[in-house]
Amino acid sequence: MTQETRVYKVSPASAAALEGSLRDGLPFAEWRTAPHARFALKADGIVVTCYTSGKLVVQGADLTTFADRFLGDLAQAKAKGAKPGDPELTFDVVTVGSDEAGKGDYFGPLVVAAVRAAPEDAAWLAELGVTDSKALSDERSKRLAGLIEERLDFEVIRLGPEDYNARHASCGNVNILLGAMHAEALAALLARNADVGQAVVDRFGEERHVVTPLRARVERLPKIIQVPRAERHPAVAAASVIARAAFLDGLAACSDAAGTDLHKGAGEPTDIAARRVFAIGGRDLLAKVAKMHFKNTQRVVDTG
């Protein structure tokens, strides 16, 4: 039977009530200790860990039956970041997850990160609070990235603005660039880890953009899953955090090169920073720190 992991958020009151229900309803459970856990137990092939942070991690088979019996309203909760109709993402085999950062940012590099994680890493990642980096502050993303990199195998592929501009001018499609970068990161981890059972990719375009260049690099592929909002899978969430931290480092380097503070995104604050860069070094300097096909370039050049 398929093993899976589900993560919930519980209040202190709900955690206390759940502990009481489990003690009454599972008299033969094996109660355990775990770092930073309010309680932990194993019963009927299911492992439950409730952390003092409010994270509740449930792992095992037939979790729906368990959730319906003990978790009440929590059983109706969707996986974090999922929307109705999104496919379920299981974590019962060693998984490589990949995600990108910088695609929608005018300044800074385009980054893809991939992370190898095993099912037993799910509870640790949940305890850390690893989630889609868009839900985290910059500083927290950096701190979490360091912790993940110490424990899990990972690969980061960076494409700085100058290289990005040259390659985009050649192919004219950012999704082709992204697909090649995902393939490179995934292939590196697959070469180092023969135990990978699946690769989960945050879908950004047609599946062939990743699969075709990956097949050119890897002789035997694991199961490849490309879905939107894939950050709900712990391995992809970890990759999201590492990619974001690498992007932030690249953005800081671009700020140093430009001689002025640069901004994330592509809105009005970015235009203001771009005008400063253009005033300092013209289009040549702008091309060293920005993705030139963005509409920001034309707005800045026209009013520069």
C-alpha atoms as a PDB file:
ATOM      1  CA  MET A   1       0.000   0.000   0.000  1.00  0.00           C
ATOM      2  CA  THR A   2       1.282   3.461  -0.859  1.00  0.00           C
ATOM      3  CA  GLN A   3       2.972   5.374   1.938  1.00  0.00           C
ATOM      4  CA  GLU A   4       2.398   9.103   2.169  1.00  0.00           C
ATOM      5  CA  THR A   5       3.031  12.109   4.394  1.00  0.00           C
ATOM      6  CA  ARG A   6       0.527  14.762   5.394  1.00  0.00           C
ATOM      7  CA  VAL A   7       1.314  17.950   7.288  1.00  0.00           C
ATOM      8  CA  TYR A   8      -1.249  19.970   9.246  1.00  0.00           C
ATOM      9  CA  LYS A   9      -1.199  23.102  11.377  1.00  0.00           C
ATOM     10  CA  VAL A  10      -2.707  22.710  14.843  1.00  0.00           C
ATOM     11  CA  SER A  11      -3.320  25.103  17.711  1.00  0.00           C
ATOM     12  CA  PRO A  12      -2.125  24.210  21.239  1.00  0.00           C
ATOM     13  CA  ALA A  13      -5.719  23.429  22.229  1.00  0.00           C
ATOM     14  CA  SER A  14      -6.221  21.184  19.203  1.00  0.00           C
ATOM     15  CA  ALA A  15      -2.914  19.430  19.902  1.00  0.00           C
ATOM     16  CA  ALA A  16      -3.949  18.716  23.480  1.00  0.00           C
ATOM     17  CA  ALA A  17      -7.344  17.410  22.390  1.00  0.00           C
ATOM     18  CA  LEU A  18      -5.754  15.235  19.709  1.00  0.00           C
ATOM     19  CA  GLU A  19      -3.267  13.749  22.174  1.00  0.00           C
ATOM     20  CA  GLY A  20      -6.125  12.800  24.469  1.00  0.00           C
ATOM     21  CA  SER A  21      -8.077  11.225  21.611  1.00  0.00           C
ATOM     22  CA  LEU A  22      -5.073   9.204  20.484  1.00  0.00           C
ATOM     23  CA  ARG A  23      -4.310   7.942  23.992  1.00  0.00           C
ATOM     24  CA  ASP A  24      -7.907   6.830  24.424  1.00  0.00           C
ATOM     25  CA  GLY A  25      -8.404   5.474  20.913  1.00  0.00           C
ATOM     26  CA  LEU A  26      -5.045   3.741  20.433  1.00  0.00           C
ATOM     27  CA  PRO A  27      -4.320   1.952  23.725  1.00  0.00           C
ATOM     28  CA  PHE A  28      -1.569  -0.188  22.164  1.00  0.00           C
ATOM     29  CA  ALA A  29       0.283   2.688  20.475  1.00  0.00           C
ATOM     30  CA  GLU A  30       4.042   3.012  20.892  1.00  0.00           C
ATOM     31  CA  TRP A  31       4.592   6.480  22.354  1.00  0.00           C
ATOM     32  CA  ARG A  32       7.953   8.018  21.503  1.00  0.00           C
ATOM     33  CA  THR A  33      10.114  11.041  22.154  1.00  0.00           C
ATOM     34  CA  ALA A  34      11.294  13.305  19.331  1.00  0.00           C
ATOM     35  CA  PRO A  35      13.233  16.582  19.339  1.00  0.00           C
ATOM     36  CA  HIS A  36      10.941  19.609  19.686  1.00  0.00           C
ATOM     37  CA  ALA A  37       7.869  17.372  19.718  1.00  0.00           C
ATOM     38  CA  ARG A  38       4.884  17.778  22.010  1.00  0.00           C
ATOM     39  CA  PHE A  39       4.147  14.107  21.425  1.00  0.00           C
ATOM     40  CA  ALA A  40       4.935  11.325  18.965  1.00  0.00           C
ATOM     41  CA  LEU A  41       3.623   7.814  18.474  1.00  0.00           C
ATOM     42  CA  LYS A  42       3.455   4.842  16.150  1.00  0.00           C
ATOM     43  CA  ALA A  43       0.367   2.687  15.767  1.00  0.00           C
ATOM     44  CA  ASP A  44      -0.974   0.408  13.038  1.00  0.00           C
ATOM     45  CA  GLY A  45       1.828   1.410  10.651  1.00  0.00           C
ATOM     46  CA  ILE A  46       1.184   5.140  11.089  1.00  0.00           C
ATOM     47  CA  VAL A  47       3.642   7.566  12.698  1.00  0.00           C
ATOM     48  CA  VAL A  48       2.286  10.776  14.226  1.00  0.00           C
ATOM     49  CA  THR A  49       4.539  13.622  15.378  1.00  0.00           C
ATOM     50  CA  CYS A  50       3.132  16.852  16.816  1.00  0.00           C
ATOM     51  CA  TYR A  51       5.770  19.559  17.152  1.00  0.00           C
ATOM     52  CA  THR A  52       5.699  22.412  19.634  1.00  0.00           C
ATOM     53  CA  SER A  53       5.725  24.772  16.622  1.00  0.00           C
ATOM     54  CA  GLY A  54       2.189  23.607  15.758  1.00  0.00           C
ATOM     55  CA  LYS A  55       3.192  21.331  12.884  1.00  0.00           C
ATOM     56  CA  LEU A  56       1.480  17.937  12.889  1.00  0.00           C
ATOM     57  CA  VAL A  57       3.151  15.347  10.636  1.00  0.00           C
ATOM     58  CA  VAL A  58       1.323  12.091   9.869  1.00  0.00           C
ATOM     59  CA  GLN A  59       3.108   9.369   7.881  1.00  0.00           C
ATOM     60  CA  GLY A  60       2.015   5.916   6.749  1.00  0.00           C
ATOM     61  CA  ALA A  61      -0.538   4.080   4.653  1.00  0.00           C
ATOM     62  CA  ASP A  62      -4.322   4.584   4.608  1.00  0.00           C
ATOM     63  CA  LEU A  63      -4.028   8.035   6.155  1.00  0.00           C
ATOM     64  CA  THR A  64      -7.550   8.931   5.084  1.00  0.00           C
ATOM     65  CA  THR A  65      -9.041   6.376   7.481  1.00  0.00           C
ATOM     66  CA  PHE A  66      -6.819   7.616  10.301  1.00  0.00           C
ATOM     67  CA  ALA A  67      -7.556  11.271   9.538  1.00  0.00           C
ATOM     68  CA  ASP A  68     -11.307  10.694   9.381  1.00  0.00           C
ATOM     69  CA  ARG A  69     -11.182   8.968  12.755  1.00  0.00           C
ATOM     70  CA  PHE A  70      -8.939  11.280  14.723  1.00  0.00           C
ATOM     71  CA  LEU A  71      -8.334  14.591  12.965  1.00  0.00           C
ATOM     72  CA  GLY A  72     -11.874  15.868  12.512  1.00  0.00           C
ATOM     73  CA  ASP A  73     -11.901  19.154  10.586  1.00  0.00           C
ATOM     74  CA  LEU A  74      -8.189  18.826   9.893  1.00  0.00           C
ATOM     75  CA  ALA A  75      -8.978  15.844   7.663  1.00  0.00           C
ATOM     76  CA  GLN A  76     -10.664  18.239   5.280  1.00  0.00           C
ATOM     77  CA  ALA A  77      -7.630  20.478   5.039  1.00  0.00           C
ATOM     78  CA  LYS A  78      -5.964  20.609   1.641  1.00  0.00           C
ATOM     79  CA  ALA A  79      -2.260  20.165   1.255  1.00  0.00           C
ATOM     80  CA  LYS A  80      -0.567  23.496   1.709  1.00  0.00           C
ATOM     81  CA  GLY A  81      -0.624  25.445  -1.528  1.00  0.00           C
ATOM     82  CA  ALA A  82      -2.901  22.992  -3.339  1.00  0.00           C
ATOM     83  CA  LYS A  83      -6.084  23.938  -5.139  1.00  0.00           C
ATOM     84  CA  PRO A  84      -9.137  21.823  -5.951  1.00  0.00           C
ATOM     85  CA  GLY A  85      -8.283  19.423  -8.751  1.00  0.00           C
ATOM     86  CA  ASP A  86      -4.535  19.398  -8.077  1.00  0.00           C
ATOM     87  CA  PRO A  87      -3.143  15.837  -8.094  1.00  0.00           C
ATOM     88  CA  GLU A  88      -1.959  14.388  -4.806  1.00  0.00           C
ATOM     89  CA  LEU A  89       1.804  14.250  -4.384  1.00  0.00           C
ATOM     90  CA  THR A  90       3.021  11.233  -2.454  1.00  0.00           C
ATOM     91  CA  PHE A  91       6.324  10.921  -0.648  1.00  0.00           C
ATOM     92  CA  ASP A  92       6.863   7.190  -0.335  1.00  0.00           C
ATOM     93  CA  VAL A  93      10.100   6.936  -2.337  1.00  0.00           C
ATOM     94  CA  VAL A  94      13.341   8.898  -2.508  1.00  0.00           C
ATOM     95  CA  THR A  95      12.460  12.046  -4.416  1.00  0.00           C
ATOM     96  CA  VAL A  96      14.314  14.775  -6.238  1.00  0.00           C
ATOM     97  CA  GLY A  97      12.352  18.027  -6.304  1.00  0.00           C
ATOM     98  CA  SER A  98      13.243  21.078  -8.377  1.00  0.00           C
ATOM     99  CA  ASP A  99      12.055  24.675  -8.455  1.00  0.00           C
ATOM    100  CA  GLU A 100      13.240  28.030  -9.757  1.00  0.00           C
ATOM    101  CA  ALA A 101      13.627  31.622  -8.590  1.00  0.00           C
ATOM    102  CA  GLY A 102      14.116  34.885 -10.435  1.00  0.00           C
ATOM    103  CA  LYS A 103      11.849  34.197 -13.415  1.00  0.00           C
ATOM    104  CA  GLY A 104       9.619  37.171 -12.640  1.00  0.00           C
ATOM    105  CA  ASP A 105      12.407  39.431 -11.365  1.00  0.00           C
ATOM    106  CA  TYR A 106      13.880  42.053 -13.686  1.00  0.00           C
ATOM    107  CA  PHE A 107      17.161  42.254 -11.795  1.00  0.00           C
ATOM    108  CA  GLY A 108      19.383  39.352 -10.828  1.00  0.00           C
ATOM    109  CA  PRO A 109      19.947  35.810 -12.057  1.00  0.00           C
ATOM    110  CA  LEU A 110      17.605  33.021 -13.025  1.00  0.00           C
ATOM    111  CA  VAL A 111      18.183  30.127 -10.629  1.00  0.00           C
ATOM    112  CA  VAL A 112      17.070  26.501 -10.540  1.00  0.00           C
ATOM    113  CA  ALA A 113      17.684  24.271  -7.526  1.00  0.00           C
ATOM    114  CA  ALA A 114      17.084  20.552  -7.061  1.00  0.00           C
ATOM    115  CA  VAL A 115      17.086  18.659  -3.761  1.00  0.00           C
ATOM    116  CA  ARG A 116      17.169  14.927  -2.987  1.00  0.00           C
ATOM    117  CA  ALA A 117      15.030  13.954  -0.010  1.00  0.00           C
ATOM    118  CA  ALA A 118      13.891  10.623   1.418  1.00  0.00           C
ATOM    119  CA  PRO A 119      10.514   9.980   3.083  1.00  0.00           C
ATOM    120  CA  GLU A 120      12.202   9.998   6.494  1.00  0.00           C
ATOM    121  CA  ASP A 121      13.277  13.608   5.852  1.00  0.00           C
ATOM    122  CA  ALA A 122       9.647  14.811   5.689  1.00  0.00           C
ATOM    123  CA  ALA A 123       9.233  15.245   9.435  1.00  0.00           C
ATOM    124  CA  TRP A 124      12.538  17.128   9.732  1.00  0.00           C
ATOM    125  CA  LEU A 125      11.600  19.504   6.906  1.00  0.00           C
ATOM    126  CA  ALA A 126       8.185  20.082   8.483  1.00  0.00           C
ATOM    127  CA  GLU A 127       9.784  20.767  11.847  1.00  0.00           C
ATOM    128  CA  LEU A 128      12.044  23.385  10.253  1.00  0.00           C
ATOM    129  CA  GLY A 129       9.012  25.033   8.663  1.00  0.00           C
ATOM    130  CA  VAL A 130      10.224  24.486   5.105  1.00  0.00           C
ATOM    131  CA  THR A 131       7.552  25.606   2.659  1.00  0.00           C
ATOM    132  CA  ASP A 132       7.205  27.527  -0.605  1.00  0.00           C
ATOM    133  CA  SER A 133       9.836  30.266  -0.310  1.00  0.00           C
ATOM    134  CA  LYS A 134       7.285  32.858  -1.477  1.00  0.00           C
ATOM    135  CA  ALA A 135       5.678  32.446   1.960  1.00  0.00           C
ATOM    136  CA  LEU A 136       8.984  33.104   3.773  1.00  0.00           C
ATOM    137  CA  SER A 137      10.976  36.242   4.485  1.00  0.00           C
ATOM    138  CA  ASP A 138      14.313  36.669   2.725  1.00  0.00           C
ATOM    139  CA  GLU A 139      16.272  36.158   5.929  1.00  0.00           C
ATOM    140  CA  ARG A 140      14.349  33.018   6.867  1.00  0.00           C
ATOM    141  CA  SER A 141      14.860  31.617   3.367  1.00  0.00           C
ATOM    142  CA  LYS A 142      18.611  32.120   3.738  1.00  0.00           C
ATOM    143  CA  ARG A 143      18.723  30.482   7.175  1.00  0.00           C
ATOM    144  CA  LEU A 144      16.653  27.493   6.075  1.00  0.00           C
ATOM    145  CA  ALA A 145      18.700  27.080   2.898  1.00  0.00           C
ATOM    146  CA  GLY A 146      21.853  26.732   4.973  1.00  0.00           C
ATOM    147  CA  LEU A 147      20.292  24.039   7.149  1.00  0.00           C
ATOM    148  CA  ILE A 148      18.945  22.107   4.165  1.00  0.00           C
ATOM    149  CA  GLU A 149      22.278  22.261   2.367  1.00  0.00           C
ATOM    150  CA  GLU A 150      24.038  20.813   5.426  1.00  0.00           C
ATOM    151  CA  ARG A 151      21.829  17.718   5.470  1.00  0.00           C
ATOM    152  CA  LEU A 152      20.487  17.004   1.969  1.00  0.00           C
ATOM    153  CA  ASP A 153      22.153  16.581  -1.415  1.00  0.00           C
ATOM    154  CA  PHE A 154      21.353  19.486  -3.731  1.00  0.00           C
ATOM    155  CA  GLU A 155      22.324  21.141  -7.001  1.00  0.00           C
ATOM    156  CA  VAL A 156      22.042  24.807  -7.967  1.00  0.00           C
ATOM    157  CA  ILE A 157      22.179  26.119 -11.535  1.00  0.00           C
ATOM    158  CA  ARG A 158      22.564  29.900 -11.922  1.00  0.00           C
ATOM    159  CA  LEU A 159      22.225  31.955 -15.066  1.00  0.00           C
ATOM    160  CA  GLY A 160      23.496  35.492 -14.487  1.00  0.00           C
ATOM    161  CA  PRO A 161      21.958  38.420 -16.395  1.00  0.00           C
ATOM    162  CA  GLU A 162      24.615  38.588 -19.112  1.00  0.00           C
ATOM    163  CA  ASP A 163      24.410  34.877 -19.889  1.00  0.00           C
ATOM    164  CA  TYR A 164      20.640  34.967 -19.524  1.00  0.00           C
ATOM    165  CA  ASN A 165      20.327  37.799 -22.037  1.00  0.00           C
ATOM    166  CA  ALA A 166      22.537  36.022 -24.555  1.00  0.00           C
ATOM    167  CA  ARG A 167      20.703  32.720 -24.272  1.00  0.00           C
ATOM    168  CA  HIS A 168      17.263  34.337 -24.310  1.00  0.00           C
ATOM    169  CA  ALA A 169      18.189  36.268 -27.448  1.00  0.00           C
ATOM    170  CA  SER A 170      19.182  32.970 -29.039  1.00  0.00           C
ATOM    171  CA  CYS A 171      16.064  30.927 -28.175  1.00  0.00           C
ATOM    172  CA  GLY A 172      13.500  33.657 -27.458  1.00  0.00           C
ATOM    173  CA  ASN A 173      11.687  31.591 -24.816  1.00  0.00           C
ATOM    174  CA  VAL A 174      12.367  31.655 -21.090  1.00  0.00           C
ATOM    175  CA  ASN A 175      10.671  28.276 -20.633  1.00  0.00           C
ATOM    176  CA  ILE A 176      13.251  26.657 -22.911  1.00  0.00           C
ATOM    177  CA  LEU A 177      15.980  28.126 -20.718  1.00  0.00           C
ATOM    178  CA  LEU A 178      14.236  26.949 -17.574  1.00  0.00           C
ATOM    179  CA  GLY A 179      13.728  23.454 -18.950  1.00  0.00           C
ATOM    180  CA  ALA A 180      17.419  23.104 -19.741  1.00  0.00           C
ATOM    181  CA  MET A 181      18.349  24.346 -16.261  1.00  0.00           C
ATOM    182  CA  HIS A 182      15.928  21.978 -14.519  1.00  0.00           C
ATOM    183  CA  ALA A 183      17.296  19.121 -16.614  1.00  0.00           C
ATOM    184  CA  GLU A 184      20.883  19.996 -15.683  1.00  0.00           C
ATOM    185  CA  ALA A 185      20.097  20.159 -11.961  1.00  0.00           C
ATOM    186  CA  LEU A 186      18.055  16.962 -11.988  1.00  0.00           C
ATOM    187  CA  ALA A 187      20.656  15.086 -14.024  1.00  0.00           C
ATOM    188  CA  ALA A 188      23.405  16.028 -11.570  1.00  0.00           C
ATOM    189  CA  LEU A 189      21.471  14.610  -8.616  1.00  0.00           C
ATOM    190  CA  LEU A 190      20.369  11.509 -10.507  1.00  0.00           C
ATOM    191  CA  ALA A 191      23.997  10.807 -11.383  1.00  0.00           C
ATOM    192  CA  ARG A 192      24.947  10.966  -7.699  1.00  0.00           C
ATOM    193  CA  ASN A 193      21.905   9.123  -6.321  1.00  0.00           C
ATOM    194  CA  ALA A 194      20.897   5.803  -7.855  1.00  0.00           C
ATOM    195  CA  ASP A 195      18.073   5.361  -5.326  1.00  0.00           C
ATOM    196  CA  VAL A 196      15.827   8.148  -6.660  1.00  0.00           C
ATOM    197  CA  GLY A 197      12.334   6.837  -7.381  1.00  0.00           C
ATOM    198  CA  GLN A 198      10.711  10.006  -8.692  1.00  0.00           C
ATOM    199  CA  ALA A 199      11.432  13.586  -9.693  1.00  0.00           C
ATOM    200  CA  VAL A 200       8.858  16.283  -8.950  1.00  0.00           C
ATOM    201  CA  VAL A 201       9.109  19.564 -10.842  1.00  0.00           C
ATOM    202  CA  ASP A 202       7.116  22.745 -10.303  1.00  0.00           C
ATOM    203  CA  ARG A 203       5.459  22.962 -13.712  1.00  0.00           C
ATOM    204  CA  PHE A 204       6.107  26.198 -15.614  1.00  0.00           C
ATOM    205  CA  GLY A 205       5.286  25.202 -19.202  1.00  0.00           C
ATOM    206  CA  GLU A 206       5.119  22.211 -21.518  1.00  0.00           C
ATOM    207  CA  GLU A 207       6.507  19.022 -20.018  1.00  0.00           C
ATOM    208  CA  ARG A 208       8.830  18.473 -22.982  1.00  0.00           C
ATOM    209  CA  HIS A 209      10.876  21.519 -21.971  1.00  0.00           C
ATOM    210  CA  VAL A 210      12.245  19.448 -19.052  1.00  0.00           C
ATOM    211  CA  VAL A 211      11.900  15.868 -20.293  1.00  0.00           C
ATOM    212  CA  THR A 212      13.626  16.298 -23.677  1.00  0.00           C
ATOM    213  CA  PRO A 213      16.893  17.807 -22.381  1.00  0.00           C
ATOM    214  CA  LEU A 214      16.823  15.450 -19.372  1.00  0.00           C
ATOM    215  CA  ARG A 215      16.631  12.403 -21.622  1.00  0.00           C
ATOM    216  CA  ALA A 216      19.667  13.712 -23.474  1.00  0.00           C
ATOM    217  CA  ARG A 217      21.590  13.714 -20.181  1.00  0.00           C
ATOM    218  CA  VAL A 218      20.251  10.649 -18.343  1.00  0.00           C
ATOM    219  CA  GLU A 219      20.076   7.122 -19.757  1.00  0.00           C
ATOM    220  CA  ARG A 220      17.359   5.827 -17.420  1.00  0.00           C
ATOM    221  CA  LEU A 221      14.816   8.245 -15.993  1.00  0.00           C
ATOM    222  CA  PRO A 222      12.803   7.834 -12.804  1.00  0.00           C
ATOM    223  CA  LYS A 223       9.135   8.744 -12.776  1.00  0.00           C
ATOM    224  CA  ILE A 224       8.867  12.439 -13.744  1.00  0.00           C
ATOM    225  CA  ILE A 225       5.973  14.424 -12.243  1.00  0.00           C
ATOM    226  CA  GLN A 226       5.384  18.017 -13.380  1.00  0.00           C
ATOM    227  CA  VAL A 227       2.517  19.771 -11.625  1.00  0.00           C
ATOM    228  CA  PRO A 228       1.609  23.351 -10.707  1.00  0.00           C
ATOM    229  CA  ARG A 229       2.108  24.392  -7.091  1.00  0.00           C
ATOM    230  CA  ALA A 230       4.520  21.489  -6.589  1.00  0.00           C
ATOM    231  CA  GLU A 231       6.033  23.310  -3.591  1.00  0.00           C
ATOM    232  CA  ARG A 232       3.479  21.437  -1.490  1.00  0.00           C
ATOM    233  CA  HIS A 233       5.853  18.458  -1.822  1.00  0.00           C
ATOM    234  CA  PRO A 234       8.608  18.700   0.825  1.00  0.00           C
ATOM    235  CA  ALA A 235      11.439  18.053  -1.678  1.00  0.00           C
ATOM    236  CA  VAL A 236      10.215  20.818  -4.004  1.00  0.00           C
ATOM    237  CA  ALA A 237       9.673  23.179  -1.070  1.00  0.00           C
ATOM    238  CA  ALA A 238      13.287  22.571  -0.033  1.00  0.00           C
ATOM    239  CA  ALA A 239      14.421  23.286  -3.596  1.00  0.00           C
ATOM    240  CA  SER A 240      12.307  26.455  -3.605  1.00  0.00           C
ATOM    241  CA  VAL A 241      14.085  27.694  -0.481  1.00  0.00           C
ATOM    242  CA  ILE A 242      17.568  26.983  -1.833  1.00  0.00           C
ATOM    243  CA  ALA A 243      16.748  28.568  -5.196  1.00  0.00           C
ATOM    244  CA  ARG A 244      15.436  31.698  -3.490  1.00  0.00           C
ATOM    245  CA  ALA A 245      18.504  32.036  -1.299  1.00  0.00           C
ATOM    246  CA  ALA A 246      20.774  31.677  -4.341  1.00  0.00           C
ATOM    247  CA  PHE A 247      18.745  34.276  -6.211  1.00  0.00           C
ATOM    248  CA  LEU A 248      19.041  36.709  -3.301  1.00  0.00           C
ATOM    249  CA  ASP A 249      22.836  36.225  -3.256  1.00  0.00           C
ATOM    250  CA  GLY A 250      22.900  36.880  -7.007  1.00  0.00           C
ATOM    251  CA  LEU A 251      20.752  39.985  -6.649  1.00  0.00           C
ATOM    252  CA  ALA A 252      23.129  41.324  -3.991  1.00  0.00           C
ATOM    253  CA  ALA A 253      26.078  40.734  -6.335  1.00  0.00           C
ATOM    254  CA  CYS A 254      24.243  42.618  -9.096  1.00  0.00           C
ATOM    255  CA  SER A 255      23.624  45.517  -6.706  1.00  0.00           C
ATOM    256  CA  ASP A 256      27.354  45.654  -6.004  1.00  0.00           C
ATOM    257  CA  ALA A 257      28.119  45.602  -9.734  1.00  0.00           C
ATOM    258  CA  ALA A 258      25.604  48.353 -10.449  1.00  0.00           C
ATOM    259  CA  GLY A 259      26.722  50.563  -7.586  1.00  0.00           C
ATOM    260  CA  THR A 260      23.148  50.982  -6.335  1.00  0.00           C
ATOM    261  CA  ASP A 261      20.502  48.967  -4.520  1.00  0.00           C
ATOM    262  CA  LEU A 262      18.343  46.843  -6.812  1.00  0.00           C
ATOM    263  CA  HIS A 263      14.851  45.545  -6.169  1.00  0.00           C
ATOM    264  CA  LYS A 264      13.030  42.253  -6.549  1.00  0.00           C
ATOM    265  CA  GLY A 265      10.074  41.956  -8.891  1.00  0.00           C
ATOM    266  CA  ALA A 266       9.287  44.096 -11.900  1.00  0.00           C
ATOM    267  CA  GLY A 267       7.126  46.909 -10.540  1.00  0.00           C
ATOM    268  CA  GLU A 268       7.600  50.635 -10.038  1.00  0.00           C
ATOM    269  CA  PRO A 269      10.411  50.336  -7.423  1.00  0.00           C
ATOM    270  CA  THR A 270      12.299  48.248  -9.987  1.00  0.00           C
ATOM    271  CA  ASP A 271      11.833  50.930 -12.647  1.00  0.00           C
ATOM    272  CA  ILE A 272      13.192  53.547 -10.254  1.00  0.00           C
ATOM    273  CA  ALA A 273      16.277  51.432  -9.570  1.00  0.00           C
ATOM    274  CA  ALA A 274      16.688  50.730 -13.287  1.00  0.00           C
ATOM    275  CA  ARG A 275      16.728  54.448 -14.049  1.00  0.00           C
ATOM    276  CA  ARG A 276      19.528  54.879 -11.508  1.00  0.00           C
ATOM    277  CA  VAL A 277      21.505  52.069 -13.146  1.00  0.00           C
ATOM    278  CA  PHE A 278      20.898  53.572 -16.590  1.00  0.00           C
ATOM    279  CA  ALA A 279      22.070  56.976 -15.368  1.00  0.00           C
ATOM    280  CA  ILE A 280      25.249  55.444 -13.969  1.00  0.00           C
ATOM    281  CA  GLY A 281      26.287  53.235 -16.865  1.00  0.00           C
ATOM    282  CA  GLY A 282      23.682  53.322 -19.615  1.00  0.00           C
ATOM    283  CA  ARG A 283      22.354  50.280 -21.416  1.00  0.00           C
ATOM    284  CA  ASP A 284      25.643  48.380 -21.099  1.00  0.00           C
ATOM    285  CA  LEU A 285      25.527  48.420 -17.296  1.00  0.00           C
ATOM    286  CA  LEU A 286      21.808  47.634 -17.307  1.00  0.00           C
ATOM    287  CA  ALA A 287      22.488  44.528 -19.393  1.00  0.00           C
ATOM    288  CA  LYS A 288      24.953  43.283 -16.769  1.00  0.00           C
ATOM    289  CA  VAL A 289      22.359  43.257 -13.979  1.00  0.00           C
ATOM    290  CA  ALA A 290      18.919  42.961 -15.642  1.00  0.00           C
ATOM    291  CA  LYS A 291      16.888  40.678 -17.896  1.00  0.00           C
ATOM    292  CA  MET A 292      16.685  42.966 -20.892  1.00  0.00           C
ATOM    293  CA  HIS A 293      13.605  41.503 -22.617  1.00  0.00           C
ATOM    294  CA  PHE A 294      11.367  42.648 -19.734  1.00  0.00           C
ATOM    295  CA  LYS A 295       9.151  45.658 -20.495  1.00  0.00           C
ATOM    296  CA  ASN A 296      11.016  47.562 -17.789  1.00  0.00           C
ATOM    297  CA  THR A 297      13.911  48.072 -20.206  1.00  0.00           C
ATOM    298  CA  GLN A 298      11.826  49.922 -22.758  1.00  0.00           C
ATOM    299  CA  ARG A 299      10.204  52.069 -20.085  1.00  0.00           C
ATOM    300  CA  VAL A 300      13.600  53.022 -18.683  1.00  0.00           C
ATOM    301  CA  VAL A 301      15.304  53.609 -22.043  1.00  0.00           C
ATOM    302  CA  ASP A 302      12.385  55.676 -23.346  1.00  0.00           C
ATOM    303  CA  THR A 303      12.455  57.965 -20.305  1.00  0.00           C
ATOM    304  CA  GLY A 304      16.156  57.732 -19.528  1.00  0.00           C
END
